[in-house]
């Protein structure tokens, strides 16, 4: 088990980074539908983290981790990493667990 856990503020920061990168890509691409779908998922995650009364029941529908690997891993490492980090948070949220801190290589800090 991890000994160190992310604060909600740290989790929100990770999601904000992913949202910022998504908006940049929306403004510079023709494939707006894919990015809009990702943006909707990120905004939903953010609303759950901000506890805006959003039901967490749809967290299991989040697929940004799969999209990251399938669509972006080969040609957009920065964006892929941001989406995978966002999904990392979702994975723990679905189980009602604290989100562990990870190092730069993606290992859980113990």
N, C-alpha and C. Protein backbone atom coordinates (compact mmCIF):
# COMPACT_ATOMS: atom_id res chain seq x y z
N UNK A 1 0.83 -1.19 0.00
CA UNK A 1 0.00 0.00 0.00
C UNK A 1 0.87 1.25 0.00
N UNK A 2 0.32 2.29 -0.54
CA UNK A 2 1.02 3.57 -0.57
C UNK A 2 0.97 4.22 0.80
N UNK A 3 1.99 4.98 1.10
CA UNK A 3 2.02 5.74 2.34
C UNK A 3 1.66 7.20 2.10
N UNK A 4 1.76 7.62 0.85
CA UNK A 4 1.50 9.02 0.52
C UNK A 4 0.36 9.07 -0.48
N UNK A 5 -0.54 10.01 -0.23
CA UNK A 5 -1.72 10.14 -1.09
C UNK A 5 -1.84 11.56 -1.60
N UNK A 6 -2.41 11.68 -2.80
CA UNK A 6 -2.60 12.99 -3.41
C UNK A 6 -3.73 13.73 -2.70
N UNK A 7 -3.57 15.03 -2.57
CA UNK A 7 -4.66 15.85 -2.07
C UNK A 7 -5.66 16.05 -3.21
N UNK A 8 -6.86 16.47 -2.88
CA UNK A 8 -7.84 16.77 -3.91
C UNK A 8 -7.31 17.89 -4.81
N UNK A 9 -6.64 18.86 -4.23
CA UNK A 9 -6.08 19.97 -5.02
C UNK A 9 -5.06 19.45 -6.05
N UNK A 10 -4.25 18.49 -5.67
CA UNK A 10 -3.28 17.90 -6.61
C UNK A 10 -4.01 17.15 -7.72
N UNK A 11 -5.05 16.44 -7.37
CA UNK A 11 -5.83 15.73 -8.38
C UNK A 11 -6.49 16.71 -9.34
N UNK A 12 -7.05 17.77 -8.81
CA UNK A 12 -7.69 18.80 -9.64
C UNK A 12 -6.66 19.41 -10.58
N UNK A 13 -5.45 19.63 -10.09
CA UNK A 13 -4.39 20.18 -10.93
C UNK A 13 -4.11 19.27 -12.12
N UNK A 14 -4.02 17.96 -11.87
CA UNK A 14 -3.78 17.02 -12.98
C UNK A 14 -4.90 17.09 -14.01
N UNK A 15 -6.14 17.15 -13.54
CA UNK A 15 -7.28 17.23 -14.46
C UNK A 15 -7.26 18.55 -15.22
N UNK A 16 -6.93 19.63 -14.52
CA UNK A 16 -6.84 20.95 -15.18
C UNK A 16 -5.80 20.94 -16.30
N UNK A 17 -4.69 20.29 -16.07
CA UNK A 17 -3.64 20.19 -17.11
C UNK A 17 -4.21 19.46 -18.33
N UNK A 18 -4.90 18.36 -18.09
CA UNK A 18 -5.49 17.60 -19.20
C UNK A 18 -6.55 18.43 -19.94
N UNK A 19 -7.34 19.19 -19.20
CA UNK A 19 -8.35 20.05 -19.82
C UNK A 19 -7.68 21.11 -20.69
N UNK A 20 -6.65 21.74 -20.16
CA UNK A 20 -5.93 22.78 -20.91
C UNK A 20 -5.36 22.22 -22.21
N UNK A 21 -4.74 21.05 -22.13
CA UNK A 21 -4.17 20.42 -23.33
C UNK A 21 -5.27 20.05 -24.32
N UNK A 22 -6.41 19.61 -23.82
CA UNK A 22 -7.53 19.24 -24.69
C UNK A 22 -8.05 20.46 -25.43
N UNK A 23 -8.24 21.56 -24.71
CA UNK A 23 -8.73 22.79 -25.34
C UNK A 23 -7.75 23.27 -26.40
N UNK A 24 -6.46 23.19 -26.13
CA UNK A 24 -5.45 23.58 -27.13
C UNK A 24 -5.60 22.74 -28.39
N UNK A 25 -5.83 21.45 -28.22
CA UNK A 25 -5.96 20.56 -29.37
C UNK A 25 -7.27 20.81 -30.12
N UNK A 26 -8.33 21.15 -29.40
CA UNK A 26 -9.59 21.49 -30.07
C UNK A 26 -9.39 22.68 -30.99
N UNK A 27 -8.59 23.63 -30.53
CA UNK A 27 -8.37 24.85 -31.30
C UNK A 27 -7.42 24.68 -32.48
N UNK A 28 -6.75 23.51 -32.56
CA UNK A 28 -5.75 23.34 -33.61
C UNK A 28 -5.95 22.07 -34.45
N UNK A 29 -7.13 21.48 -34.39
CA UNK A 29 -7.35 20.23 -35.12
C UNK A 29 -8.69 20.23 -35.84
N UNK A 30 -8.81 19.30 -36.76
CA UNK A 30 -10.09 19.11 -37.45
C UNK A 30 -10.93 18.03 -36.78
N UNK A 31 -10.32 17.21 -35.92
CA UNK A 31 -11.01 16.11 -35.25
C UNK A 31 -11.63 16.59 -33.93
N UNK A 32 -12.49 17.56 -34.02
CA UNK A 32 -13.05 18.21 -32.84
C UNK A 32 -13.94 17.26 -32.03
N UNK A 33 -14.63 16.35 -32.68
CA UNK A 33 -15.55 15.45 -31.97
C UNK A 33 -14.84 14.61 -30.92
N UNK A 34 -13.71 14.03 -31.26
CA UNK A 34 -12.95 13.21 -30.32
C UNK A 34 -12.52 14.04 -29.12
N UNK A 35 -11.99 15.21 -29.37
CA UNK A 35 -11.51 16.06 -28.28
C UNK A 35 -12.66 16.59 -27.44
N UNK A 36 -13.80 16.88 -28.06
CA UNK A 36 -14.96 17.33 -27.28
C UNK A 36 -15.46 16.23 -26.36
N UNK A 37 -15.44 14.98 -26.83
CA UNK A 37 -15.84 13.85 -25.98
C UNK A 37 -14.88 13.73 -24.79
N UNK A 38 -13.60 13.86 -25.05
CA UNK A 38 -12.60 13.80 -23.97
C UNK A 38 -12.81 14.95 -23.00
N UNK A 39 -13.05 16.13 -23.53
CA UNK A 39 -13.28 17.31 -22.68
C UNK A 39 -14.49 17.10 -21.77
N UNK A 40 -15.56 16.54 -22.30
CA UNK A 40 -16.75 16.26 -21.47
C UNK A 40 -16.41 15.30 -20.34
N UNK A 41 -15.62 14.28 -20.63
CA UNK A 41 -15.24 13.33 -19.59
C UNK A 41 -14.38 14.00 -18.53
N UNK A 42 -13.43 14.82 -18.95
CA UNK A 42 -12.56 15.51 -17.99
C UNK A 42 -13.34 16.48 -17.13
N UNK A 43 -14.29 17.18 -17.72
CA UNK A 43 -15.12 18.11 -16.95
C UNK A 43 -15.99 17.36 -15.94
N UNK A 44 -16.46 16.19 -16.30
CA UNK A 44 -17.23 15.36 -15.37
C UNK A 44 -16.37 14.93 -14.19
N UNK A 45 -15.15 14.49 -14.48
CA UNK A 45 -14.22 14.09 -13.42
C UNK A 45 -13.97 15.27 -12.49
N UNK A 46 -13.73 16.43 -13.08
CA UNK A 46 -13.49 17.64 -12.29
C UNK A 46 -14.68 17.97 -11.41
N UNK A 47 -15.89 17.83 -11.94
CA UNK A 47 -17.07 18.14 -11.12
C UNK A 47 -17.20 17.15 -9.97
N UNK A 48 -16.82 15.89 -10.18
CA UNK A 48 -16.83 14.91 -9.09
C UNK A 48 -15.80 15.29 -8.02
N UNK A 49 -14.63 15.72 -8.46
CA UNK A 49 -13.58 16.11 -7.51
C UNK A 49 -13.97 17.35 -6.73
N UNK A 50 -14.65 18.27 -7.40
CA UNK A 50 -15.09 19.50 -6.73
C UNK A 50 -16.34 19.27 -5.89
N UNK A 51 -16.86 18.06 -5.94
CA UNK A 51 -18.05 17.67 -5.18
C UNK A 51 -19.21 18.62 -5.46
N UNK A 52 -19.47 18.83 -6.74
CA UNK A 52 -20.56 19.72 -7.16
C UNK A 52 -21.90 19.00 -7.21
N UNK A 53 -22.04 17.95 -6.44
CA UNK A 53 -23.28 17.21 -6.44
C UNK A 53 -23.40 16.21 -7.58
N UNK A 54 -22.34 16.07 -8.36
CA UNK A 54 -22.37 15.12 -9.46
C UNK A 54 -22.33 13.70 -8.92
N UNK A 55 -23.21 12.88 -9.46
CA UNK A 55 -23.19 11.47 -9.10
C UNK A 55 -21.92 10.84 -9.66
N UNK A 56 -21.30 9.99 -8.88
CA UNK A 56 -20.09 9.31 -9.34
C UNK A 56 -20.41 8.02 -10.08
N UNK A 57 -21.68 7.77 -10.32
CA UNK A 57 -22.11 6.54 -10.95
C UNK A 57 -21.63 6.35 -12.38
N UNK A 58 -21.25 7.42 -13.04
CA UNK A 58 -20.82 7.31 -14.43
C UNK A 58 -19.31 7.23 -14.58
N UNK A 59 -18.60 7.18 -13.46
CA UNK A 59 -17.14 7.08 -13.54
C UNK A 59 -16.70 5.84 -14.31
N UNK A 60 -17.47 4.77 -14.21
CA UNK A 60 -17.11 3.54 -14.92
C UNK A 60 -17.25 3.68 -16.43
N UNK A 61 -17.92 4.74 -16.90
CA UNK A 61 -18.05 4.98 -18.34
C UNK A 61 -16.87 5.76 -18.92
N UNK A 62 -15.99 6.25 -18.06
CA UNK A 62 -14.84 7.04 -18.52
C UNK A 62 -13.89 6.13 -19.28
N UNK A 63 -13.51 6.54 -20.49
CA UNK A 63 -12.60 5.72 -21.29
C UNK A 63 -11.39 6.49 -21.80
N UNK A 64 -11.01 7.56 -21.11
CA UNK A 64 -9.88 8.37 -21.58
C UNK A 64 -8.55 7.62 -21.50
N UNK A 65 -8.45 6.64 -20.61
CA UNK A 65 -7.23 5.85 -20.54
C UNK A 65 -7.04 5.02 -21.80
N UNK A 66 -8.12 4.40 -22.25
CA UNK A 66 -8.06 3.62 -23.48
C UNK A 66 -7.80 4.51 -24.68
N UNK A 67 -8.46 5.64 -24.72
CA UNK A 67 -8.24 6.58 -25.83
C UNK A 67 -6.80 7.08 -25.86
N UNK A 68 -6.26 7.32 -24.68
CA UNK A 68 -4.88 7.79 -24.61
C UNK A 68 -3.93 6.82 -25.29
N UNK A 69 -4.07 5.56 -24.97
CA UNK A 69 -3.18 4.54 -25.52
C UNK A 69 -3.47 4.32 -27.01
N UNK A 70 -4.73 4.20 -27.35
CA UNK A 70 -5.10 3.87 -28.73
C UNK A 70 -4.86 5.03 -29.71
N UNK A 71 -5.17 6.24 -29.29
CA UNK A 71 -5.15 7.37 -30.22
C UNK A 71 -3.90 8.25 -30.15
N UNK A 72 -3.26 8.32 -28.98
CA UNK A 72 -2.25 9.35 -28.80
C UNK A 72 -0.87 8.87 -28.39
N UNK A 73 -0.75 7.62 -27.97
CA UNK A 73 0.53 7.14 -27.44
C UNK A 73 1.67 7.25 -28.44
N UNK A 74 1.39 7.01 -29.70
CA UNK A 74 2.44 7.01 -30.72
C UNK A 74 2.87 8.40 -31.17
N UNK A 75 1.95 9.38 -31.11
CA UNK A 75 2.28 10.66 -31.72
C UNK A 75 2.08 11.90 -30.83
N UNK A 76 1.63 11.72 -29.61
CA UNK A 76 1.42 12.87 -28.73
C UNK A 76 1.63 12.43 -27.28
N UNK A 77 2.88 12.24 -26.93
CA UNK A 77 3.24 11.69 -25.61
C UNK A 77 2.76 12.56 -24.46
N UNK A 78 2.88 13.88 -24.61
CA UNK A 78 2.47 14.78 -23.54
C UNK A 78 0.97 14.64 -23.25
N UNK A 79 0.17 14.62 -24.29
CA UNK A 79 -1.27 14.51 -24.12
C UNK A 79 -1.66 13.12 -23.61
N UNK A 80 -1.02 12.11 -24.14
CA UNK A 80 -1.27 10.75 -23.69
C UNK A 80 -0.99 10.62 -22.19
N UNK A 81 0.11 11.18 -21.74
CA UNK A 81 0.47 11.13 -20.33
C UNK A 81 -0.57 11.84 -19.46
N UNK A 82 -1.04 12.99 -19.92
CA UNK A 82 -2.05 13.74 -19.16
C UNK A 82 -3.36 12.95 -19.04
N UNK A 83 -3.75 12.28 -20.12
CA UNK A 83 -4.97 11.48 -20.07
C UNK A 83 -4.81 10.25 -19.20
N UNK A 84 -3.65 9.62 -19.26
CA UNK A 84 -3.41 8.44 -18.42
C UNK A 84 -3.39 8.82 -16.95
N UNK A 85 -2.81 9.97 -16.61
CA UNK A 85 -2.82 10.44 -15.23
C UNK A 85 -4.26 10.72 -14.77
N UNK A 86 -5.05 11.29 -15.65
CA UNK A 86 -6.45 11.56 -15.32
C UNK A 86 -7.19 10.26 -15.07
N UNK A 87 -6.94 9.26 -15.90
CA UNK A 87 -7.61 7.98 -15.71
C UNK A 87 -7.12 7.29 -14.43
N UNK A 88 -5.87 7.48 -14.08
CA UNK A 88 -5.32 6.94 -12.83
C UNK A 88 -6.17 7.43 -11.65
N UNK A 89 -6.52 8.70 -11.68
CA UNK A 89 -7.36 9.28 -10.63
C UNK A 89 -8.74 8.62 -10.65
N UNK A 90 -9.32 8.49 -11.83
CA UNK A 90 -10.65 7.89 -11.97
C UNK A 90 -10.66 6.47 -11.42
N UNK A 91 -9.63 5.72 -11.73
CA UNK A 91 -9.53 4.33 -11.27
C UNK A 91 -9.68 4.24 -9.75
N UNK A 92 -9.02 5.10 -9.03
CA UNK A 92 -9.11 5.09 -7.57
C UNK A 92 -10.43 5.67 -7.08
N UNK A 93 -10.95 6.68 -7.78
CA UNK A 93 -12.24 7.26 -7.40
C UNK A 93 -13.35 6.23 -7.50
N UNK A 94 -13.31 5.39 -8.53
CA UNK A 94 -14.36 4.38 -8.72
C UNK A 94 -14.44 3.43 -7.52
N UNK A 95 -13.29 3.14 -6.92
CA UNK A 95 -13.27 2.26 -5.77
C UNK A 95 -13.43 2.98 -4.45
N UNK A 96 -13.60 4.30 -4.50
CA UNK A 96 -13.73 5.07 -3.28
C UNK A 96 -12.44 5.13 -2.48
N UNK A 97 -11.32 4.98 -3.19
CA UNK A 97 -10.02 4.93 -2.53
C UNK A 97 -9.27 6.24 -2.65
N UNK A 98 -8.31 6.46 -1.75
CA UNK A 98 -7.41 7.59 -1.86
C UNK A 98 -6.49 7.35 -3.06
N UNK A 99 -6.10 8.43 -3.73
CA UNK A 99 -5.23 8.33 -4.89
C UNK A 99 -3.78 8.44 -4.43
N UNK A 100 -2.99 7.40 -4.67
CA UNK A 100 -1.60 7.44 -4.23
C UNK A 100 -0.76 8.41 -5.07
N UNK A 101 0.27 8.92 -4.45
CA UNK A 101 1.24 9.78 -5.14
C UNK A 101 2.10 8.87 -6.01
N UNK A 102 2.40 9.34 -7.23
CA UNK A 102 3.31 8.59 -8.09
C UNK A 102 4.51 9.46 -8.43
N UNK A 103 5.63 8.79 -8.72
CA UNK A 103 6.84 9.53 -9.10
C UNK A 103 6.82 9.82 -10.60
N UNK A 104 7.89 10.42 -11.11
CA UNK A 104 7.96 10.82 -12.51
C UNK A 104 7.90 9.64 -13.48
N UNK A 105 8.23 8.45 -12.99
CA UNK A 105 8.21 7.27 -13.87
C UNK A 105 6.91 6.49 -13.73
N UNK A 106 5.97 7.00 -12.91
CA UNK A 106 4.68 6.36 -12.77
C UNK A 106 4.60 5.31 -11.67
N UNK A 107 5.63 5.24 -10.84
CA UNK A 107 5.63 4.28 -9.74
C UNK A 107 4.96 4.90 -8.51
N UNK A 108 4.18 4.10 -7.80
CA UNK A 108 3.55 4.56 -6.58
C UNK A 108 4.60 4.80 -5.51
N UNK A 109 4.54 5.97 -4.89
CA UNK A 109 5.49 6.33 -3.84
C UNK A 109 5.07 5.63 -2.55
N UNK A 110 6.01 4.93 -1.96
CA UNK A 110 5.70 4.19 -0.72
C UNK A 110 6.35 4.85 0.45
